Protein backbone atom coordinates (compact mmCIF):
# COMPACT_ATOMS: atom_id res chain seq x y z
CA MET A 1 1.29 -24.85 -4.29
CA ASP A 2 0.36 -21.77 -6.36
CA LYS A 3 2.35 -18.52 -6.36
CA MET A 4 0.12 -16.79 -3.80
CA GLU A 5 0.48 -19.68 -1.35
CA LYS A 6 4.25 -19.60 -1.82
CA ILE A 7 4.34 -15.86 -1.16
CA VAL A 8 2.21 -16.16 1.99
CA SER A 9 4.48 -18.97 3.23
CA LEU A 10 7.64 -16.96 2.51
CA CYS A 11 6.24 -13.85 4.21
CA LYS A 12 5.60 -15.77 7.41
CA ARG A 13 8.82 -17.79 7.28
CA ARG A 14 11.05 -14.77 6.74
CA GLY A 15 9.36 -12.23 9.01
CA PHE A 16 7.56 -10.07 6.45
CA VAL A 17 3.90 -10.61 7.38
CA ASN A 18 2.29 -12.78 10.06
CA PRO A 19 -1.33 -13.51 10.96
CA SER A 20 -2.24 -11.29 13.91
CA CYS A 21 -3.02 -12.92 17.29
CA GLU A 22 -2.04 -16.31 15.90
CA ILE A 23 -1.71 -17.82 19.40
CA TYR A 24 -5.46 -17.20 19.73
CA GLY A 25 -6.25 -18.64 16.32
CA GLY A 26 -5.90 -15.37 14.38
CA PHE A 27 -8.38 -12.53 14.25
CA ALA A 28 -10.68 -11.33 11.46
CA ASN A 29 -8.15 -11.41 8.64
CA SER A 30 -5.76 -9.03 10.39
CA TYR A 31 -2.00 -9.18 9.97
CA SER A 32 1.17 -7.92 11.63
CA TYR A 33 4.21 -6.76 9.72
CA GLY A 34 7.27 -8.54 11.07
CA PRO A 35 10.83 -7.16 11.31
CA TYR A 36 11.54 -7.26 7.57
CA GLY A 37 7.97 -6.42 6.57
CA SER A 38 7.88 -3.33 8.77
CA GLN A 39 11.19 -2.14 7.31
CA LEU A 40 9.93 -2.75 3.76
CA LYS A 41 6.75 -0.85 4.65
CA LYS A 42 8.77 2.08 6.01
CA ASN A 43 10.97 2.15 2.91
CA ILE A 44 7.93 2.23 0.62
CA LYS A 45 6.34 5.03 2.66
CA ASP A 46 9.59 7.01 2.78
CA LEU A 47 10.00 6.68 -0.98
CA TRP A 48 6.45 7.98 -1.54
CA TRP A 49 6.97 10.93 0.83
CA LYS A 50 10.29 11.77 -0.82
CA MET A 51 8.84 11.55 -4.33
CA PHE A 52 5.54 13.35 -3.79
CA VAL A 53 6.21 15.75 -0.89
CA GLU A 54 9.88 16.50 -0.26
CA SER A 55 10.86 16.62 -3.94
CA ARG A 56 7.99 18.89 -4.97
CA GLU A 57 7.46 22.57 -4.24
CA ASP A 58 3.71 22.36 -4.88
CA ILE A 59 2.82 19.72 -2.25
CA VAL A 60 2.89 19.84 1.56
CA GLY A 61 2.14 17.10 4.05
CA ILE A 62 -0.07 16.78 7.11
CA ASP A 63 -0.83 14.06 9.67
CA GLY A 64 -4.49 14.23 10.66
CA PRO A 65 -6.29 12.29 13.41
CA ILE A 66 -8.07 8.96 13.05
CA LEU A 67 -10.97 10.18 15.20
CA LEU A 68 -12.68 13.10 13.45
CA HIS A 69 -15.86 15.06 14.18
CA PRO A 70 -18.98 13.00 13.39
CA LYS A 71 -20.39 15.97 11.46
CA LEU A 72 -17.61 15.51 8.91
CA TRP A 73 -18.93 12.05 8.02
CA GLN A 74 -22.51 13.28 7.97
CA ALA A 75 -21.58 16.06 5.56
CA SER A 76 -19.54 13.78 3.28
CA GLY A 77 -22.35 11.25 3.08
CA HIS A 78 -20.49 8.43 4.79
CA THR A 79 -22.91 8.11 7.72
CA GLU A 80 -25.85 7.40 5.43
CA GLY A 81 -24.26 6.21 2.20
CA PHE A 82 -21.01 4.37 2.93
CA ASN A 83 -22.65 1.00 2.46
CA ASP A 84 -22.06 -2.38 0.86
CA ALA A 85 -24.73 -4.95 0.02
CA MET A 86 -24.50 -8.16 2.03
CA VAL A 87 -26.24 -11.51 1.91
CA ASP A 88 -25.95 -14.47 4.29
CA CYS A 89 -26.15 -18.20 3.61
CA LYS A 90 -28.70 -19.60 6.07
CA LYS A 91 -27.05 -23.03 6.07
CA CYS A 92 -23.38 -22.34 6.75
CA LYS A 93 -23.88 -18.77 8.11
CA LYS A 94 -21.19 -17.43 5.75
CA ARG A 95 -21.61 -13.78 4.76
CA PHE A 96 -20.89 -12.49 1.27
CA ARG A 97 -20.82 -9.17 -0.49
CA ALA A 98 -23.88 -9.55 -2.70
CA ASP A 99 -22.70 -7.67 -5.79
CA HIS A 100 -19.47 -9.70 -5.88
CA LEU A 101 -21.41 -12.95 -5.45
CA VAL A 102 -23.66 -12.09 -8.40
CA GLU A 103 -20.86 -10.82 -10.63
CA GLU A 104 -18.74 -13.93 -10.08
CA ALA A 105 -21.74 -16.16 -10.85
CA ILE A 106 -23.25 -14.44 -13.92
CA GLY A 107 -20.70 -11.77 -14.89
CA GLU A 108 -23.07 -8.85 -14.30
CA ASP A 109 -22.20 -5.80 -12.18
CA LEU A 110 -25.24 -4.85 -10.08
CA GLU A 111 -23.50 -2.76 -7.43
CA GLY A 112 -25.99 -0.49 -5.64
CA LYS A 113 -29.06 -2.28 -7.09
CA ILE A 114 -30.52 -4.21 -4.15
CA ASP A 115 -33.74 -5.41 -5.82
CA GLU A 116 -31.93 -6.54 -8.96
CA MET A 117 -29.41 -8.48 -6.88
CA ASN A 118 -32.20 -10.32 -5.06
CA GLN A 119 -33.81 -11.14 -8.40
CA ALA A 120 -30.53 -12.31 -9.95
CA ILE A 121 -29.76 -14.64 -7.03
CA ALA A 122 -33.26 -16.17 -7.22
CA LYS A 123 -33.51 -16.38 -11.01
CA ASN A 124 -30.06 -17.94 -11.49
CA LYS A 125 -30.29 -20.08 -8.34
CA ILE A 126 -26.82 -18.93 -7.29
CA LYS A 127 -25.41 -21.36 -4.75
CA CYS A 128 -23.27 -20.61 -1.75
CA PRO A 129 -19.57 -20.84 -2.77
CA GLU A 130 -18.81 -22.17 0.72
CA CYS A 131 -21.32 -25.00 1.22
CA GLY A 132 -23.04 -25.32 -2.16
CA LYS A 133 -26.56 -24.74 -0.81
CA PHE A 134 -29.18 -22.38 -2.22
CA ASP A 135 -30.70 -20.79 0.88
CA TRP A 136 -30.10 -17.07 1.21
CA THR A 137 -31.31 -14.17 3.31
CA GLU A 138 -32.53 -11.05 1.53
CA VAL A 139 -29.80 -8.73 0.27
CA ARG A 140 -29.47 -5.71 2.56
CA THR A 141 -27.12 -2.78 3.07
CA PHE A 142 -24.40 -2.64 5.69
CA ASN A 143 -22.53 0.51 6.77
CA MET A 144 -18.79 -0.09 6.70
CA MET A 145 -17.69 2.50 9.27
CA PHE A 146 -16.43 1.29 12.65
CA LYS A 147 -18.29 2.91 15.54
CA THR A 148 -16.83 3.81 18.91
CA GLU A 149 -17.59 6.12 21.84
CA MET A 150 -15.80 9.16 23.22
CA ASN A 151 -16.13 10.71 26.68
CA GLY A 152 -17.95 14.03 26.52
CA VAL A 153 -19.34 13.44 23.02
CA GLU A 154 -22.99 12.55 22.48
CA GLY A 155 -23.75 9.87 19.90
CA ASP A 156 -21.54 7.68 17.75
CA VAL A 157 -17.95 8.49 16.88
CA TYR A 158 -16.28 6.74 13.95
CA LEU A 159 -12.83 5.52 13.01
CA ARG A 160 -12.10 7.27 9.74
CA PRO A 161 -12.88 5.15 6.65
CA GLU A 162 -10.50 7.23 4.51
CA THR A 163 -7.73 9.79 5.00
CA ALA A 164 -9.14 12.44 2.64
CA GLY A 165 -11.59 13.89 5.19
CA ALA A 166 -8.77 15.16 7.43
CA ILE A 167 -7.22 16.96 4.46
CA PHE A 168 -10.42 18.77 3.45
CA VAL A 169 -11.24 19.99 6.96
CA ASP A 170 -7.63 21.23 7.38
CA PHE A 171 -7.66 23.05 4.03
CA LYS A 172 -8.19 26.48 5.63
CA ASN A 173 -5.47 26.00 8.26
CA VAL A 174 -2.93 24.85 5.66
CA MET A 175 -3.82 27.78 3.40
CA ASP A 176 -3.43 30.28 6.25
CA SER A 177 -0.08 28.94 7.42
CA MET A 178 1.63 28.08 4.11
CA HIS A 179 0.39 30.77 1.65
CA LEU A 180 0.25 28.28 -1.19
CA LYS A 181 -0.53 29.15 -4.79
CA ILE A 182 -2.90 27.13 -7.00
CA PRO A 183 -2.23 24.46 -8.18
CA PHE A 184 -1.01 22.80 -4.97
CA GLY A 185 -1.51 19.58 -3.09
CA ILE A 186 -1.90 18.37 0.50
CA ALA A 187 -0.57 14.87 1.17
CA GLN A 188 -1.08 12.42 4.00
CA ILE A 189 -0.13 8.87 4.93
CA GLY A 190 -2.30 7.22 7.52
CA LYS A 191 -4.57 4.46 8.77
CA ALA A 192 -8.14 3.97 7.63
CA PHE A 193 -10.73 1.46 8.81
CA ARG A 194 -13.53 -0.24 6.90
CA ASN A 195 -15.73 -2.96 8.28
CA GLU A 196 -15.58 -4.91 5.03
CA ILE A 197 -18.03 -7.76 4.61
CA ILE A 198 -15.32 -9.86 3.06
CA ALA A 199 -11.67 -9.30 3.83
CA GLY A 200 -9.25 -11.61 2.07
CA ASN A 201 -6.45 -12.35 -0.37
CA PHE A 202 -3.81 -11.90 2.31
CA ILE A 203 -3.05 -8.18 2.84
CA PHE A 204 -4.89 -7.08 -0.32
CA ARG A 205 -8.19 -6.38 1.45
CA LEU A 206 -7.97 -5.50 5.13
CA ARG A 207 -10.32 -3.89 7.64
CA GLU A 208 -7.42 -1.84 9.02
CA PHE A 209 -5.18 -0.49 6.29
CA GLU A 210 -3.01 2.46 5.30
CA GLN A 211 -3.49 4.98 2.51
CA MET A 212 -1.08 7.41 0.90
CA GLU A 213 -3.26 10.14 -0.52
CA ILE A 214 -3.03 13.58 -2.11
CA GLU A 215 -5.73 16.17 -2.66
CA TYR A 216 -4.44 18.34 -5.50
CA PHE A 217 -6.30 21.65 -5.75
CA ILE A 218 -6.73 23.36 -9.11
CA SER A 219 -8.63 26.30 -10.55
CA PRO A 220 -12.17 25.53 -11.81
CA GLU A 221 -11.01 27.03 -15.12
CA GLU A 222 -7.92 24.81 -15.33
CA LYS A 223 -7.54 22.62 -18.42
CA TRP A 224 -7.27 19.59 -16.21
CA GLU A 225 -7.02 16.74 -18.72
CA SER A 226 -3.24 16.97 -19.25
CA LEU A 227 -2.69 17.35 -15.50
CA PHE A 228 -4.83 14.25 -14.91
CA ASP A 229 -2.70 12.27 -17.38
CA SER A 230 0.46 13.57 -15.71
CA TRP A 231 -0.72 12.26 -12.34
CA LEU A 232 -1.42 8.83 -13.85
CA GLU A 233 2.12 8.79 -15.21
CA ASP A 234 3.51 9.79 -11.80
CA GLN A 235 1.61 6.96 -10.14
CA GLU A 236 3.06 4.50 -12.65
CA LYS A 237 6.58 5.94 -12.18
CA TYR A 238 6.25 5.33 -8.45
CA LEU A 239 5.24 1.72 -9.14
CA ALA A 240 8.34 1.30 -11.31
CA GLU A 241 10.42 2.45 -8.31
CA LEU A 242 8.84 -0.41 -6.33
CA GLY A 243 10.02 -2.90 -8.96
CA VAL A 244 6.64 -3.31 -10.66
CA LYS A 245 6.97 -3.99 -14.39
CA LYS A 246 4.97 -2.14 -17.03
CA ASP A 247 3.28 -5.32 -18.29
CA GLU A 248 2.00 -6.09 -14.77
CA ILE A 249 -0.29 -3.05 -14.67
CA ARG A 250 -3.16 -1.64 -16.71
CA ARG A 251 -5.53 1.31 -16.56
CA PHE A 252 -9.28 1.00 -16.10
CA GLU A 253 -11.44 4.05 -16.68
CA HIS A 254 -14.79 3.99 -14.89
CA PRO A 255 -17.69 4.25 -17.34
CA LYS A 256 -19.67 7.50 -17.20
CA GLU A 257 -22.78 5.78 -15.81
CA LYS A 258 -20.78 4.41 -12.84
CA LEU A 259 -19.19 7.75 -11.87
CA SER A 260 -20.27 9.64 -8.77
CA HIS A 261 -22.44 12.65 -9.62
CA TYR A 262 -19.59 15.06 -8.84
CA SER A 263 -16.80 13.17 -10.67
CA GLN A 264 -15.72 14.13 -14.14
CA LYS A 265 -13.30 11.23 -14.53
CA THR A 266 -12.01 8.30 -12.47
CA VAL A 267 -9.25 5.90 -13.51
CA ASP A 268 -7.93 2.90 -11.56
CA ILE A 269 -4.44 1.51 -11.99
CA GLU A 270 -4.81 -2.24 -11.69
CA TYR A 271 -2.02 -4.70 -10.87
CA GLU A 272 -1.92 -8.34 -11.91
CA TYR A 273 -1.76 -10.11 -8.56
CA PRO A 274 -1.56 -13.94 -8.55
CA PHE A 275 -5.37 -13.87 -8.10
CA GLY A 276 -5.92 -11.60 -11.12
CA PHE A 277 -6.00 -7.91 -12.01
CA GLN A 278 -7.24 -5.81 -9.08
CA GLU A 279 -7.35 -2.12 -8.19
CA LEU A 280 -4.08 -0.85 -6.78
CA TYR A 281 -4.30 2.96 -7.14
CA GLY A 282 -7.01 5.39 -8.11
CA LEU A 283 -7.19 8.86 -9.60
CA ALA A 284 -10.38 10.91 -9.56
CA HIS A 285 -11.50 14.39 -10.57
CA ARG A 286 -13.81 15.27 -7.66
CA SER A 287 -14.75 18.81 -8.81
CA ASP A 288 -15.46 21.15 -5.84
CA PHE A 289 -17.80 18.68 -4.12
CA ASP A 290 -15.82 18.11 -0.91
CA LEU A 291 -14.83 21.67 -0.08
CA LYS A 292 -18.28 22.99 -1.03
CA THR A 293 -20.00 20.33 1.10
CA HIS A 294 -17.86 20.98 4.18
CA SER A 295 -18.12 24.74 3.71
CA LYS A 296 -21.91 24.52 3.72
CA ALA A 297 -22.08 22.12 6.69
CA SER A 298 -19.62 24.07 8.85
CA ASN A 299 -20.58 27.61 7.80
CA GLU A 300 -16.89 28.27 7.10
CA LYS A 301 -15.63 29.68 3.82
CA LEU A 302 -13.24 27.18 2.27
CA GLU A 303 -12.12 29.39 -0.58
CA TYR A 304 -8.91 30.27 -2.36
CA TYR A 305 -8.08 33.93 -2.97
CA ASP A 306 -6.47 34.48 -6.36
CA GLN A 307 -4.42 37.66 -5.81
CA GLU A 308 -3.39 38.04 -9.43
CA ASN A 309 -6.99 38.12 -10.66
CA ASN A 310 -8.47 39.51 -7.43
CA LYS A 311 -11.15 36.86 -7.05
CA LYS A 312 -12.17 34.07 -4.69
CA TYR A 313 -13.32 30.59 -5.65
CA ILE A 314 -13.67 27.05 -4.31
CA PRO A 315 -10.93 24.97 -5.97
CA HIS A 316 -11.59 21.73 -7.81
CA VAL A 317 -9.68 18.64 -6.77
CA LEU A 318 -7.72 15.85 -8.41
CA GLU A 319 -7.30 12.96 -5.97
CA PRO A 320 -4.47 10.44 -6.51
CA THR A 321 -4.88 7.60 -4.00
CA PHE A 322 -2.26 4.94 -3.26
CA GLY A 323 -3.00 1.87 -1.13
CA LEU A 324 0.05 1.20 1.03
CA ASP A 325 -0.68 -2.43 1.94
CA ARG A 326 -1.55 -3.18 -1.67
CA SER A 327 1.69 -1.49 -2.74
CA ILE A 328 3.64 -3.74 -0.37
CA LEU A 329 1.90 -6.83 -1.75
CA ALA A 330 2.56 -5.70 -5.34
CA ALA A 331 6.25 -5.11 -4.53
CA ILE A 332 6.50 -8.57 -2.93
CA CYS A 333 4.71 -10.28 -5.85
CA SER A 334 6.89 -8.53 -8.45
CA ALA A 335 10.08 -9.31 -6.52
CA TYR A 336 9.32 -13.02 -5.99
CA ASP A 337 11.31 -15.30 -8.28
CA GLU A 338 12.39 -18.91 -8.47
CA GLU A 339 15.29 -20.36 -10.44
CA LYS A 340 17.10 -23.67 -10.69
CA VAL A 341 20.63 -23.73 -9.24
CA LYS A 342 22.44 -27.10 -9.26
CA ASP A 343 19.23 -29.12 -9.18
CA GLU A 344 17.83 -26.98 -6.35
CA THR A 345 15.21 -24.26 -6.48
CA ARG A 346 16.54 -20.91 -5.35
CA ILE A 347 13.88 -18.48 -4.11
CA VAL A 348 15.00 -14.88 -4.44
CA MET A 349 13.23 -11.60 -3.73
CA ARG A 350 14.52 -9.16 -6.35
CA PHE A 351 13.57 -5.94 -4.55
CA PRO A 352 15.02 -2.70 -5.95
CA LYS A 353 18.06 -1.83 -3.80
CA HIS A 354 16.50 1.31 -2.30
CA ILE A 355 13.47 -0.50 -0.83
CA ALA A 356 15.13 -3.79 0.23
CA PRO A 357 14.67 -4.25 4.00
CA VAL A 358 18.32 -5.32 4.27
CA GLN A 359 20.78 -3.84 1.78
CA ILE A 360 24.01 -5.50 2.92
CA ALA A 361 24.55 -8.64 5.02
CA VAL A 362 27.92 -9.15 6.70
CA LEU A 363 28.69 -12.85 7.03
CA PRO A 364 31.83 -14.29 8.68
CA LEU A 365 32.61 -17.62 7.03
CA SER A 366 32.33 -19.38 10.37
CA LYS A 367 31.66 -18.59 14.03
CA LYS A 368 35.34 -19.01 14.94
CA ASP A 369 36.69 -16.32 17.20
CA GLU A 370 39.49 -15.33 14.80
CA LEU A 371 37.00 -13.99 12.22
CA ARG A 372 34.61 -12.15 14.50
CA PRO A 373 36.64 -8.96 15.25
CA LEU A 374 37.28 -8.21 11.57
CA ALA A 375 33.70 -9.10 10.61
CA ARG A 376 32.35 -6.78 13.30
CA GLU A 377 34.71 -4.03 12.13
CA VAL A 378 33.35 -4.33 8.56
CA PHE A 379 29.78 -4.34 9.86
CA GLU A 380 30.37 -1.20 11.96
CA LYS A 381 31.87 0.49 8.90
CA LEU A 382 28.75 -0.16 6.78
CA LYS A 383 25.78 -0.09 9.15
CA ASN A 384 25.42 3.69 9.42
CA GLN A 385 25.25 4.16 5.65
CA TYR A 386 23.20 1.13 4.63
CA ALA A 387 20.51 -1.09 6.17
CA SER A 388 22.89 -3.85 7.26
CA GLU A 389 22.65 -7.17 9.08
CA TYR A 390 25.29 -9.27 10.83
CA ASP A 391 24.73 -13.04 10.72
CA GLU A 392 27.07 -15.85 11.78
CA THR A 393 24.55 -18.68 12.30
CA GLN A 394 24.35 -21.81 10.09
CA SER A 395 26.53 -22.65 7.09
CA ILE A 396 27.47 -19.92 4.62
CA GLY A 397 25.34 -21.56 1.90
CA LYS A 398 22.23 -21.51 4.08
CA ARG A 399 22.89 -17.90 5.04
CA TYR A 400 23.16 -16.94 1.36
CA ARG A 401 19.79 -18.59 0.69
CA ARG A 402 18.24 -16.83 3.66
CA GLN A 403 19.47 -13.46 2.44
CA ASP A 404 18.16 -14.27 -1.06
CA GLU A 405 14.70 -14.84 0.42
CA ILE A 406 14.90 -11.58 2.38
CA GLY A 407 15.93 -9.78 -0.82
CA THR A 408 19.36 -8.56 0.33
CA PRO A 409 21.21 -7.17 -2.73
CA TYR A 410 24.75 -7.83 -1.40
CA CYS A 411 26.43 -10.23 1.00
CA VAL A 412 29.91 -9.48 2.34
CA THR A 413 31.81 -12.59 3.46
CA ILE A 414 34.85 -12.43 5.74
CA ASP A 415 37.00 -15.57 5.46
CA PHE A 416 40.39 -16.64 6.81
CA ASP A 417 42.18 -15.08 3.82
CA SER A 418 40.65 -11.76 4.89
CA LEU A 419 42.88 -11.81 7.97
CA GLU A 420 45.91 -11.75 5.70
CA ASP A 421 44.91 -9.77 2.59
CA LYS A 422 42.41 -7.39 4.26
CA ALA A 423 39.85 -8.12 1.51
CA VAL A 424 36.33 -9.56 1.55
CA THR A 425 34.11 -11.42 -0.92
CA VAL A 426 31.06 -9.48 -2.12
CA ARG A 427 28.24 -11.62 -3.53
CA ASP A 428 25.60 -10.12 -5.82
CA ARG A 429 22.04 -11.34 -5.11
CA ASP A 430 20.77 -11.39 -8.69
CA SER A 431 23.76 -12.85 -10.55
CA MET A 432 25.32 -14.71 -7.58
CA LYS A 433 28.69 -13.53 -8.91
CA GLN A 434 31.39 -13.02 -6.28
CA GLU A 435 34.04 -10.32 -6.27
CA ARG A 436 37.01 -9.74 -4.03
CA VAL A 437 37.16 -6.18 -2.65
CA ASN A 438 39.72 -4.56 -0.34
CA ILE A 439 38.17 -3.54 2.97
CA ASP A 440 39.53 -0.01 2.73
CA LYS A 441 37.75 0.39 -0.64
CA LEU A 442 34.48 -1.19 0.45
CA GLU A 443 32.64 2.06 1.15
CA GLN A 444 33.63 3.45 -2.25
CA TYR A 445 32.57 0.16 -3.88
CA PHE A 446 29.06 0.30 -2.41
CA GLU A 447 28.75 4.00 -3.09
CA GLU A 448 28.95 3.13 -6.78
CA LYS A 449 26.60 0.15 -6.45
CA PHE A 450 23.87 2.15 -4.67
CA LYS A 451 23.96 5.19 -6.98
């Protein structure tokens, strides 16, 4: 079993991530976050909001709707241009993203070049990875936006394929209400939906996913290069807070010929997942394309008034984008560890303490009635300050292993000696060292540990 299979198994076994609608056989590569997964997800979101919104004077947050005016997507080019190239195997009916199929077979990136992809498949006789046959449809484009209908609205309405659109169309409202000075940012965490041809690699590529995104507005005359580098460093600092190591990430700058016409620079931060280096975060200089486009389409002036210089202009934008689900998967992959302990393999999730779904587990040595009142008293003392769990099922050894797999930094064990000496045993997840601590000093003890 490879590392990815072990991680998927652990996530299901310990309530991090489960296949959605499993009683009906699952559904279209969708997943549910279980009790520990949803807490981990919340902790990662809260950390991002704290780091990039609450701790900064130059960034404010919004929460825009999933259903936005269809004209927004027409103006941004999504209605006509948000396409992938697909190709179907006529034998097994499996659908593939054509540019990925070609690149994996011959190592050539032909994204956006339909004719060349058709030629490459024919010339190299690329076989279906699923059934091994060479019998393909023509490569054709496929719009990735999900369509729906809305009462009182003529035509198609779309689930948003990205969160940025809501920020740009709210630019004027935020400016009017907050009186912000350039440079400033607008941040948002929210769902996005893309009808991907291929979803896969667990929660890495989903059709329903969450983004954490900032549009950072700057003057067109700003020397933006150092600011761009600063944002890359901030993205990497955030990853370090998730427990991701420096040698697990790398930067990939998009070549000039692959940039959008409006972009001056785009850099991806890639993470080494068990299935290889893949895009985790992105940072792009989008010039004034978005605000200018929506200003023209809506006949509204989306300008910034520079009081000091008495002039108006459309700001340029730096866009740091963070994939939430991919961040969760990166945190899980970086935390996963195995070690030999007395001829057994101990699986331990070494989450940083501030994102661990459970921070302290309170474990009475046994289920005997004598221990329960004191154990409950200790639990009540800790639960309002730390994410805590009370567990008295199974043997103490099995409970330790369970908490290791959840990633709980500390276990507090109440034994029969505790009834006499009013002390407990605190076990450290990473070292497995145990320390005796007086109950009346327990809060002070953990205050130091969680600094």
